[in-house]
């Protein structure tokens, strides 16, 4: 069975090396997207939890893998703080779920 990463890249003409960047941009909360370039410069560790979620979802081969990755994301030690929790300057797990559902339903 193909991984989410393989299906996504195939359907979107994305290279494997661009997968994380594309998913980060696509699933980041829309109101927070303008902050992405600044956050990357200010703190590379800020995106640790988000990138681990993308990586875990990318290697999942079904919906249960996505669910497990999201559950882990909510308990990730780097997924704390006012910006992430209150202002939602982070990835949207609903966007990840929706995208995964789209990819597997059309596969």
N, C-alpha and C. Protein backbone atom coordinates (compact mmCIF):
# COMPACT_ATOMS: atom_id res chain seq x y z
N UNK A 1 0.84 -1.18 0.00
CA UNK A 1 0.00 0.00 0.00
C UNK A 1 0.89 1.25 0.00
N UNK A 2 0.47 2.25 -0.73
CA UNK A 2 1.25 3.49 -0.81
C UNK A 2 1.05 4.33 0.44
N UNK A 3 2.07 5.14 0.72
CA UNK A 3 1.98 6.06 1.85
C UNK A 3 1.24 7.33 1.43
N UNK A 4 0.80 8.07 2.42
CA UNK A 4 0.15 9.35 2.14
C UNK A 4 1.09 10.24 1.33
N UNK A 5 2.36 10.25 1.70
CA UNK A 5 3.37 11.06 1.02
C UNK A 5 3.43 10.70 -0.47
N UNK A 6 3.47 9.43 -0.78
CA UNK A 6 3.53 8.98 -2.18
C UNK A 6 2.28 9.38 -2.96
N UNK A 7 1.13 9.18 -2.34
CA UNK A 7 -0.14 9.52 -3.01
C UNK A 7 -0.23 11.03 -3.22
N UNK A 8 0.11 11.81 -2.19
CA UNK A 8 0.04 13.27 -2.29
C UNK A 8 0.95 13.77 -3.40
N UNK A 9 2.20 13.32 -3.41
CA UNK A 9 3.17 13.78 -4.40
C UNK A 9 2.73 13.39 -5.82
N UNK A 10 2.20 12.20 -5.95
CA UNK A 10 1.72 11.72 -7.25
C UNK A 10 0.56 12.58 -7.75
N UNK A 11 -0.40 12.84 -6.90
CA UNK A 11 -1.60 13.58 -7.29
C UNK A 11 -1.36 15.08 -7.49
N UNK A 12 -0.34 15.62 -6.82
CA UNK A 12 -0.11 17.06 -6.86
C UNK A 12 1.15 17.46 -7.61
N UNK A 13 1.79 16.51 -8.24
CA UNK A 13 3.01 16.81 -8.99
C UNK A 13 4.09 17.40 -8.11
N UNK A 14 4.17 16.92 -6.92
CA UNK A 14 5.10 17.42 -5.91
C UNK A 14 6.29 16.48 -5.82
N UNK A 15 7.48 17.03 -5.67
CA UNK A 15 8.63 16.17 -5.45
C UNK A 15 8.69 15.79 -3.97
N UNK A 16 9.34 14.68 -3.70
CA UNK A 16 9.46 14.21 -2.32
C UNK A 16 10.15 15.26 -1.44
N UNK A 17 11.11 15.96 -2.01
CA UNK A 17 11.84 16.98 -1.24
C UNK A 17 10.99 18.21 -0.92
N UNK A 18 9.91 18.43 -1.65
CA UNK A 18 9.02 19.59 -1.42
C UNK A 18 7.81 19.24 -0.55
N UNK A 19 7.63 17.96 -0.27
CA UNK A 19 6.44 17.49 0.44
C UNK A 19 6.22 18.22 1.76
N UNK A 20 7.23 18.26 2.63
CA UNK A 20 7.05 18.89 3.95
C UNK A 20 6.70 20.37 3.81
N UNK A 21 7.41 21.08 2.94
CA UNK A 21 7.16 22.50 2.74
C UNK A 21 5.72 22.72 2.23
N UNK A 22 5.31 21.93 1.25
CA UNK A 22 3.96 22.10 0.70
C UNK A 22 2.88 21.82 1.73
N UNK A 23 3.04 20.75 2.50
CA UNK A 23 2.03 20.44 3.50
C UNK A 23 2.02 21.46 4.63
N UNK A 24 3.18 21.94 5.02
CA UNK A 24 3.23 22.97 6.06
C UNK A 24 2.45 24.20 5.59
N UNK A 25 2.69 24.64 4.37
CA UNK A 25 2.02 25.81 3.83
C UNK A 25 0.51 25.55 3.66
N UNK A 26 0.19 24.40 3.11
CA UNK A 26 -1.20 24.09 2.79
C UNK A 26 -2.06 23.88 4.03
N UNK A 27 -1.49 23.33 5.10
CA UNK A 27 -2.27 23.00 6.28
C UNK A 27 -2.08 23.94 7.46
N UNK A 28 -1.22 24.95 7.29
CA UNK A 28 -1.06 25.96 8.33
C UNK A 28 -2.36 26.77 8.37
N UNK A 29 -2.75 27.19 9.55
CA UNK A 29 -3.96 28.00 9.64
C UNK A 29 -3.83 29.21 8.73
N UNK A 30 -4.84 29.50 7.90
CA UNK A 30 -4.75 30.61 6.94
C UNK A 30 -4.38 31.96 7.56
N UNK A 31 -4.94 32.25 8.73
CA UNK A 31 -4.64 33.55 9.35
C UNK A 31 -3.17 33.66 9.77
N UNK A 32 -2.50 32.52 9.93
CA UNK A 32 -1.11 32.53 10.40
C UNK A 32 -0.09 32.42 9.27
N UNK A 33 -0.53 32.13 8.06
CA UNK A 33 0.40 31.96 6.94
C UNK A 33 1.33 33.14 6.71
N UNK A 34 0.86 34.39 6.84
CA UNK A 34 1.79 35.51 6.63
C UNK A 34 2.96 35.51 7.63
N UNK A 35 2.80 34.84 8.76
CA UNK A 35 3.86 34.80 9.77
C UNK A 35 4.91 33.71 9.50
N UNK A 36 4.61 32.77 8.61
CA UNK A 36 5.52 31.65 8.37
C UNK A 36 6.96 32.06 8.07
N UNK A 37 7.20 32.98 7.13
CA UNK A 37 8.60 33.34 6.84
C UNK A 37 9.33 33.94 8.05
N UNK A 38 8.63 34.73 8.83
CA UNK A 38 9.24 35.35 10.01
C UNK A 38 9.53 34.32 11.09
N UNK A 39 8.60 33.39 11.28
CA UNK A 39 8.78 32.37 12.30
C UNK A 39 9.94 31.46 11.95
N UNK A 40 10.11 31.15 10.66
CA UNK A 40 11.23 30.30 10.25
C UNK A 40 12.56 30.95 10.54
N UNK A 41 12.64 32.26 10.37
CA UNK A 41 13.87 32.99 10.63
C UNK A 41 14.11 33.12 12.14
N UNK A 42 13.07 33.41 12.88
CA UNK A 42 13.20 33.66 14.31
C UNK A 42 13.55 32.39 15.10
N UNK A 43 12.91 31.26 14.75
CA UNK A 43 13.13 30.04 15.53
C UNK A 43 12.87 28.81 14.69
N UNK A 44 13.92 28.13 14.34
CA UNK A 44 13.78 26.91 13.55
C UNK A 44 13.10 25.80 14.36
N UNK A 45 13.28 25.81 15.68
CA UNK A 45 12.65 24.80 16.53
C UNK A 45 11.15 25.00 16.69
N UNK A 46 10.66 26.17 16.31
CA UNK A 46 9.22 26.44 16.46
C UNK A 46 8.38 25.42 15.70
N UNK A 47 8.87 24.94 14.58
CA UNK A 47 8.10 24.05 13.72
C UNK A 47 8.36 22.57 13.97
N UNK A 48 9.08 22.24 15.03
CA UNK A 48 9.42 20.84 15.31
C UNK A 48 8.18 19.95 15.37
N UNK A 49 7.19 20.34 16.15
CA UNK A 49 5.98 19.52 16.30
C UNK A 49 5.23 19.41 14.97
N UNK A 50 5.14 20.52 14.22
CA UNK A 50 4.43 20.52 12.94
C UNK A 50 5.11 19.60 11.93
N UNK A 51 6.43 19.70 11.85
CA UNK A 51 7.17 18.89 10.89
C UNK A 51 7.16 17.41 11.26
N UNK A 52 7.17 17.12 12.55
CA UNK A 52 7.05 15.71 12.95
C UNK A 52 5.67 15.17 12.60
N UNK A 53 4.63 15.99 12.76
CA UNK A 53 3.29 15.56 12.37
C UNK A 53 3.24 15.29 10.87
N UNK A 54 3.78 16.19 10.08
CA UNK A 54 3.79 16.02 8.62
C UNK A 54 4.54 14.75 8.25
N UNK A 55 5.67 14.53 8.89
CA UNK A 55 6.47 13.34 8.60
C UNK A 55 5.71 12.06 8.98
N UNK A 56 5.10 12.05 10.17
CA UNK A 56 4.34 10.88 10.60
C UNK A 56 3.15 10.61 9.69
N UNK A 57 2.42 11.66 9.34
CA UNK A 57 1.28 11.50 8.43
C UNK A 57 1.77 11.05 7.06
N UNK A 58 2.89 11.60 6.62
CA UNK A 58 3.44 11.26 5.31
C UNK A 58 3.74 9.78 5.16
N UNK A 59 4.17 9.14 6.23
CA UNK A 59 4.51 7.71 6.15
C UNK A 59 3.36 6.80 6.56
N UNK A 60 2.21 7.37 6.85
CA UNK A 60 1.06 6.53 7.20
C UNK A 60 0.48 5.90 5.94
N UNK A 61 -0.13 4.75 6.12
CA UNK A 61 -0.72 4.03 4.99
C UNK A 61 -2.24 3.89 5.14
N UNK A 62 -2.81 4.67 6.03
CA UNK A 62 -4.26 4.62 6.22
C UNK A 62 -4.72 5.66 7.22
N UNK A 63 -6.00 5.73 7.39
CA UNK A 63 -6.58 6.76 8.28
C UNK A 63 -6.17 6.58 9.74
N UNK A 64 -5.99 5.34 10.17
CA UNK A 64 -5.59 5.11 11.56
C UNK A 64 -4.21 5.72 11.82
N UNK A 65 -3.34 5.63 10.87
CA UNK A 65 -2.01 6.23 11.01
C UNK A 65 -2.08 7.74 11.16
N UNK A 66 -2.99 8.36 10.42
CA UNK A 66 -3.19 9.81 10.53
C UNK A 66 -3.75 10.15 11.91
N UNK A 67 -4.72 9.38 12.35
CA UNK A 67 -5.31 9.60 13.68
C UNK A 67 -4.26 9.48 14.77
N UNK A 68 -3.43 8.45 14.68
CA UNK A 68 -2.37 8.25 15.68
C UNK A 68 -1.36 9.39 15.66
N UNK A 69 -1.00 9.85 14.47
CA UNK A 69 -0.04 10.96 14.34
C UNK A 69 -0.61 12.23 14.96
N UNK A 70 -1.88 12.50 14.73
CA UNK A 70 -2.53 13.70 15.28
C UNK A 70 -2.61 13.59 16.81
N UNK A 71 -2.94 12.41 17.31
CA UNK A 71 -2.99 12.23 18.77
C UNK A 71 -1.62 12.52 19.39
N UNK A 72 -0.56 12.05 18.76
CA UNK A 72 0.80 12.30 19.26
C UNK A 72 1.13 13.79 19.20
N UNK A 73 0.67 14.45 18.13
CA UNK A 73 0.94 15.88 17.94
C UNK A 73 0.38 16.71 19.10
N UNK A 74 -0.81 16.36 19.55
CA UNK A 74 -1.42 17.14 20.63
C UNK A 74 -0.65 17.01 21.94
N UNK A 75 0.13 15.93 22.08
CA UNK A 75 0.91 15.71 23.31
C UNK A 75 2.40 15.98 23.12
N UNK A 76 2.77 16.50 21.96
CA UNK A 76 4.18 16.77 21.68
C UNK A 76 4.67 17.88 22.60
N UNK A 77 5.85 17.70 23.20
CA UNK A 77 6.35 18.72 24.14
C UNK A 77 6.61 20.09 23.50
N UNK A 78 6.81 20.13 22.18
CA UNK A 78 7.05 21.42 21.52
C UNK A 78 5.75 22.09 21.08
N UNK A 79 4.64 21.44 21.27
CA UNK A 79 3.35 21.98 20.85
C UNK A 79 2.65 22.68 22.01
N UNK A 80 3.33 23.68 22.56
CA UNK A 80 2.81 24.41 23.71
C UNK A 80 3.01 25.91 23.49
N UNK A 81 2.40 26.68 24.33
CA UNK A 81 2.60 28.13 24.31
C UNK A 81 1.42 28.88 23.75
N UNK A 82 1.41 30.14 24.05
CA UNK A 82 0.33 31.04 23.68
C UNK A 82 0.13 31.11 22.17
N UNK A 83 1.22 31.27 21.41
CA UNK A 83 1.11 31.37 19.95
C UNK A 83 0.48 30.12 19.34
N UNK A 84 0.92 28.98 19.79
CA UNK A 84 0.45 27.72 19.21
C UNK A 84 -0.97 27.38 19.68
N UNK A 85 -1.22 27.49 20.96
CA UNK A 85 -2.51 27.04 21.52
C UNK A 85 -3.63 28.07 21.35
N UNK A 86 -3.38 29.29 21.70
CA UNK A 86 -4.43 30.32 21.67
C UNK A 86 -4.56 31.00 20.31
N UNK A 87 -3.43 31.40 19.73
CA UNK A 87 -3.48 32.13 18.46
C UNK A 87 -3.43 31.19 17.25
N UNK A 88 -3.20 29.93 17.50
CA UNK A 88 -3.17 28.90 16.46
C UNK A 88 -2.17 29.22 15.34
N UNK A 89 -1.00 29.57 15.73
CA UNK A 89 0.09 29.77 14.77
C UNK A 89 0.76 28.40 14.66
N UNK A 90 0.09 27.52 13.93
CA UNK A 90 0.50 26.13 13.79
C UNK A 90 -0.31 25.46 12.69
N UNK A 91 -0.04 24.20 12.51
CA UNK A 91 -0.77 23.40 11.52
C UNK A 91 -2.19 23.12 12.03
N UNK A 92 -3.12 23.07 11.12
CA UNK A 92 -4.50 22.71 11.45
C UNK A 92 -4.65 21.20 11.30
N UNK A 93 -4.97 20.53 12.39
CA UNK A 93 -5.16 19.08 12.31
C UNK A 93 -6.41 18.74 11.50
N UNK A 94 -7.39 19.62 11.50
CA UNK A 94 -8.57 19.38 10.67
C UNK A 94 -8.21 19.43 9.19
N UNK A 95 -7.31 20.34 8.83
CA UNK A 95 -6.86 20.42 7.43
C UNK A 95 -6.11 19.16 7.04
N UNK A 96 -5.28 18.64 7.95
CA UNK A 96 -4.54 17.39 7.69
C UNK A 96 -5.54 16.24 7.50
N UNK A 97 -6.51 16.14 8.40
CA UNK A 97 -7.52 15.06 8.31
C UNK A 97 -8.28 15.14 6.98
N UNK A 98 -8.71 16.33 6.65
CA UNK A 98 -9.48 16.54 5.42
C UNK A 98 -8.66 16.18 4.19
N UNK A 99 -7.42 16.62 4.15
CA UNK A 99 -6.54 16.33 3.03
C UNK A 99 -6.27 14.83 2.91
N UNK A 100 -6.03 14.19 4.03
CA UNK A 100 -5.78 12.74 4.02
C UNK A 100 -7.02 11.99 3.52
N UNK A 101 -8.18 12.41 3.97
CA UNK A 101 -9.43 11.78 3.52
C UNK A 101 -9.57 11.94 2.00
N UNK A 102 -9.29 13.14 1.50
CA UNK A 102 -9.35 13.40 0.05
C UNK A 102 -8.40 12.50 -0.72
N UNK A 103 -7.18 12.39 -0.25
CA UNK A 103 -6.17 11.61 -0.96
C UNK A 103 -6.56 10.14 -1.00
N UNK A 104 -6.97 9.56 0.13
CA UNK A 104 -7.31 8.14 0.14
C UNK A 104 -8.64 7.85 -0.56
N UNK A 105 -9.58 8.77 -0.50
CA UNK A 105 -10.85 8.54 -1.19
C UNK A 105 -10.67 8.56 -2.71
N UNK A 106 -9.72 9.35 -3.18
CA UNK A 106 -9.52 9.43 -4.64
C UNK A 106 -8.48 8.45 -5.14
N UNK A 107 -7.87 7.69 -4.23
CA UNK A 107 -6.80 6.76 -4.62
C UNK A 107 -7.37 5.44 -5.08
